[in-house]
Amino acid sequence: MGKAGPKLSDAKGKKMRAAIRAEIKKNKDLQAAVSNLTKSSKSKNKKTAMISAISKVIVRNPLLQNAAKAIYNKMK
């Protein structure tokens, strides 16, 4: 089953992920949420745990969702 949402090229995806990580680094609460989710992950791979934690934080935080949408719209 495929994921919903726009298809991004690898270059645009990397830029978007970097911009979202920069937004998270600006906010201490978001940093703490990502850190806690990463630590509580059962994944043995740290990179996978981090990606999963960031996507969960984006889904749960409407302000970060709006920031991600704004970043995406700037990239068009």
N, C-alpha and C. Protein backbone atom coordinates (compact mmCIF):
# COMPACT_ATOMS: atom_id res chain seq x y z
N MET A 1 0.84 -1.17 0.00
CA MET A 1 0.00 0.00 0.00
C MET A 1 0.89 1.24 0.00
N GLY A 2 0.70 2.11 -0.95
CA GLY A 2 1.51 3.31 -1.07
C GLY A 2 1.14 4.37 -0.06
N LYS A 3 2.04 5.30 0.13
CA LYS A 3 1.79 6.39 1.07
C LYS A 3 1.10 7.54 0.34
N ALA A 4 0.26 8.25 1.05
CA ALA A 4 -0.43 9.39 0.49
C ALA A 4 0.52 10.58 0.44
N GLY A 5 0.23 11.50 -0.43
CA GLY A 5 1.02 12.72 -0.48
C GLY A 5 1.79 12.85 -1.77
N PRO A 6 2.40 14.00 -1.94
CA PRO A 6 3.12 14.26 -3.19
C PRO A 6 4.40 13.44 -3.29
N LYS A 7 4.78 13.15 -4.50
CA LYS A 7 6.04 12.45 -4.74
C LYS A 7 7.13 13.49 -4.92
N LEU A 8 8.19 13.38 -4.17
CA LEU A 8 9.30 14.32 -4.26
C LEU A 8 10.51 13.63 -4.86
N SER A 9 11.30 14.39 -5.59
CA SER A 9 12.56 13.85 -6.07
C SER A 9 13.48 13.69 -4.86
N ASP A 10 14.54 12.94 -5.01
CA ASP A 10 15.46 12.73 -3.89
C ASP A 10 16.07 14.04 -3.41
N ALA A 11 16.43 14.92 -4.34
CA ALA A 11 17.05 16.19 -3.97
C ALA A 11 16.09 17.07 -3.19
N LYS A 12 14.84 17.16 -3.67
CA LYS A 12 13.84 17.98 -2.97
C LYS A 12 13.51 17.37 -1.60
N GLY A 13 13.46 16.05 -1.54
CA GLY A 13 13.18 15.39 -0.27
C GLY A 13 14.26 15.67 0.76
N LYS A 14 15.52 15.64 0.32
CA LYS A 14 16.63 15.94 1.23
C LYS A 14 16.56 17.38 1.72
N LYS A 15 16.26 18.31 0.81
CA LYS A 15 16.15 19.72 1.20
C LYS A 15 15.02 19.92 2.19
N MET A 16 13.90 19.26 1.94
CA MET A 16 12.75 19.40 2.83
C MET A 16 13.04 18.81 4.20
N ARG A 17 13.67 17.64 4.24
CA ARG A 17 14.01 17.04 5.53
C ARG A 17 14.98 17.91 6.31
N ALA A 18 15.94 18.50 5.61
CA ALA A 18 16.90 19.38 6.27
C ALA A 18 16.22 20.62 6.83
N ALA A 19 15.28 21.17 6.09
CA ALA A 19 14.55 22.35 6.56
C ALA A 19 13.67 22.02 7.77
N ILE A 20 13.06 20.85 7.75
CA ILE A 20 12.22 20.44 8.89
C ILE A 20 13.09 20.20 10.11
N ARG A 21 14.27 19.57 9.93
CA ARG A 21 15.18 19.38 11.06
C ARG A 21 15.63 20.71 11.63
N ALA A 22 15.83 21.71 10.77
CA ALA A 22 16.23 23.04 11.24
C ALA A 22 15.11 23.66 12.08
N GLU A 23 13.85 23.47 11.66
CA GLU A 23 12.72 23.98 12.44
C GLU A 23 12.66 23.29 13.81
N ILE A 24 12.93 22.00 13.84
CA ILE A 24 12.91 21.26 15.11
C ILE A 24 14.03 21.74 16.01
N LYS A 25 15.21 22.01 15.46
CA LYS A 25 16.34 22.46 16.27
C LYS A 25 16.08 23.83 16.90
N LYS A 26 15.23 24.63 16.27
CA LYS A 26 14.91 25.95 16.81
C LYS A 26 14.05 25.87 18.06
N ASN A 27 13.30 24.79 18.21
CA ASN A 27 12.33 24.68 19.30
C ASN A 27 12.74 23.58 20.28
N LYS A 28 12.98 23.96 21.53
CA LYS A 28 13.43 23.01 22.56
C LYS A 28 12.39 21.93 22.84
N ASP A 29 11.10 22.29 22.82
CA ASP A 29 10.05 21.30 23.10
C ASP A 29 10.01 20.23 22.02
N LEU A 30 10.16 20.65 20.77
CA LEU A 30 10.17 19.67 19.67
C LEU A 30 11.41 18.79 19.75
N GLN A 31 12.54 19.38 20.14
CA GLN A 31 13.77 18.59 20.31
C GLN A 31 13.56 17.52 21.37
N ALA A 32 12.92 17.90 22.47
CA ALA A 32 12.69 16.94 23.55
C ALA A 32 11.74 15.83 23.10
N ALA A 33 10.71 16.19 22.34
CA ALA A 33 9.76 15.19 21.86
C ALA A 33 10.44 14.19 20.93
N VAL A 34 11.26 14.69 20.02
CA VAL A 34 11.98 13.80 19.09
C VAL A 34 12.95 12.92 19.85
N SER A 35 13.64 13.50 20.81
CA SER A 35 14.61 12.73 21.60
C SER A 35 13.92 11.61 22.37
N ASN A 36 12.80 11.92 23.02
CA ASN A 36 12.07 10.89 23.78
C ASN A 36 11.54 9.79 22.88
N LEU A 37 10.99 10.17 21.72
CA LEU A 37 10.47 9.16 20.81
C LEU A 37 11.59 8.28 20.25
N THR A 38 12.76 8.88 20.01
CA THR A 38 13.89 8.12 19.50
C THR A 38 14.37 7.12 20.54
N LYS A 39 14.45 7.56 21.80
CA LYS A 39 14.91 6.68 22.87
C LYS A 39 13.94 5.54 23.13
N SER A 40 12.63 5.82 22.98
CA SER A 40 11.63 4.79 23.27
C SER A 40 11.38 3.86 22.09
N SER A 41 12.01 4.15 20.95
CA SER A 41 11.82 3.32 19.76
C SER A 41 12.43 1.94 19.97
N LYS A 42 11.78 0.95 19.39
CA LYS A 42 12.29 -0.41 19.49
C LYS A 42 13.20 -0.76 18.31
N SER A 43 13.38 0.18 17.42
CA SER A 43 14.24 -0.03 16.26
C SER A 43 15.70 -0.07 16.69
N LYS A 44 16.45 -0.97 16.10
CA LYS A 44 17.87 -1.07 16.44
C LYS A 44 18.70 -0.08 15.62
N ASN A 45 18.11 0.42 14.56
CA ASN A 45 18.80 1.38 13.70
C ASN A 45 18.46 2.80 14.15
N LYS A 46 19.46 3.57 14.57
CA LYS A 46 19.23 4.92 15.10
C LYS A 46 18.65 5.86 14.05
N LYS A 47 19.12 5.73 12.80
CA LYS A 47 18.64 6.61 11.74
C LYS A 47 17.15 6.38 11.49
N THR A 48 16.74 5.13 11.44
CA THR A 48 15.33 4.78 11.24
C THR A 48 14.49 5.29 12.40
N ALA A 49 14.99 5.15 13.62
CA ALA A 49 14.27 5.62 14.80
C ALA A 49 14.10 7.13 14.75
N MET A 50 15.14 7.85 14.31
CA MET A 50 15.08 9.31 14.23
C MET A 50 14.07 9.75 13.18
N ILE A 51 14.08 9.11 12.01
CA ILE A 51 13.13 9.46 10.94
C ILE A 51 11.70 9.22 11.41
N SER A 52 11.49 8.11 12.06
CA SER A 52 10.16 7.77 12.58
C SER A 52 9.72 8.79 13.63
N ALA A 53 10.61 9.17 14.51
CA ALA A 53 10.29 10.13 15.56
C ALA A 53 9.93 11.49 14.97
N ILE A 54 10.69 11.93 13.99
CA ILE A 54 10.42 13.23 13.37
C ILE A 54 9.06 13.21 12.68
N SER A 55 8.74 12.12 11.96
CA SER A 55 7.45 12.08 11.30
C SER A 55 6.30 12.03 12.30
N LYS A 56 6.48 11.37 13.43
CA LYS A 56 5.44 11.35 14.46
C LYS A 56 5.24 12.74 15.05
N VAL A 57 6.33 13.46 15.27
CA VAL A 57 6.22 14.81 15.82
C VAL A 57 5.51 15.72 14.82
N ILE A 58 5.80 15.57 13.54
CA ILE A 58 5.13 16.40 12.52
C ILE A 58 3.63 16.12 12.52
N VAL A 59 3.26 14.86 12.59
CA VAL A 59 1.85 14.49 12.56
C VAL A 59 1.12 15.04 13.79
N ARG A 60 1.77 15.04 14.93
CA ARG A 60 1.12 15.44 16.18
C ARG A 60 1.13 16.94 16.45
N ASN A 61 1.95 17.70 15.72
CA ASN A 61 2.10 19.12 16.02
C ASN A 61 1.59 19.96 14.84
N PRO A 62 0.45 20.64 15.02
CA PRO A 62 -0.10 21.42 13.91
C PRO A 62 0.81 22.58 13.47
N LEU A 63 1.55 23.18 14.39
CA LEU A 63 2.45 24.27 14.01
C LEU A 63 3.57 23.76 13.09
N LEU A 64 4.10 22.60 13.42
CA LEU A 64 5.15 22.02 12.59
C LEU A 64 4.57 21.54 11.26
N GLN A 65 3.33 21.08 11.26
CA GLN A 65 2.67 20.70 10.01
C GLN A 65 2.58 21.90 9.08
N ASN A 66 2.17 23.04 9.63
CA ASN A 66 2.06 24.25 8.82
C ASN A 66 3.42 24.69 8.31
N ALA A 67 4.45 24.55 9.14
CA ALA A 67 5.81 24.90 8.72
C ALA A 67 6.26 23.99 7.59
N ALA A 68 5.95 22.69 7.70
CA ALA A 68 6.34 21.74 6.66
C ALA A 68 5.61 22.05 5.35
N LYS A 69 4.33 22.43 5.45
CA LYS A 69 3.57 22.78 4.26
C LYS A 69 4.14 24.04 3.61
N ALA A 70 4.52 25.01 4.43
CA ALA A 70 5.12 26.25 3.91
C ALA A 70 6.44 25.96 3.23
N ILE A 71 7.25 25.09 3.82
CA ILE A 71 8.53 24.71 3.20
C ILE A 71 8.27 24.04 1.85
N TYR A 72 7.29 23.14 1.81
CA TYR A 72 6.96 22.44 0.57
C TYR A 72 6.51 23.43 -0.49
N ASN A 73 5.65 24.38 -0.11
CA ASN A 73 5.14 25.35 -1.09
C ASN A 73 6.23 26.27 -1.62
N LYS A 74 7.24 26.59 -0.78
CA LYS A 74 8.36 27.41 -1.24
C LYS A 74 9.20 26.67 -2.26
N MET A 75 9.24 25.34 -2.15
CA MET A 75 10.08 24.54 -3.04
C MET A 75 9.46 24.38 -4.44
N LYS A 76 8.18 24.66 -4.59
CA LYS A 76 7.52 24.48 -5.90
C LYS A 76 8.08 25.41 -6.94
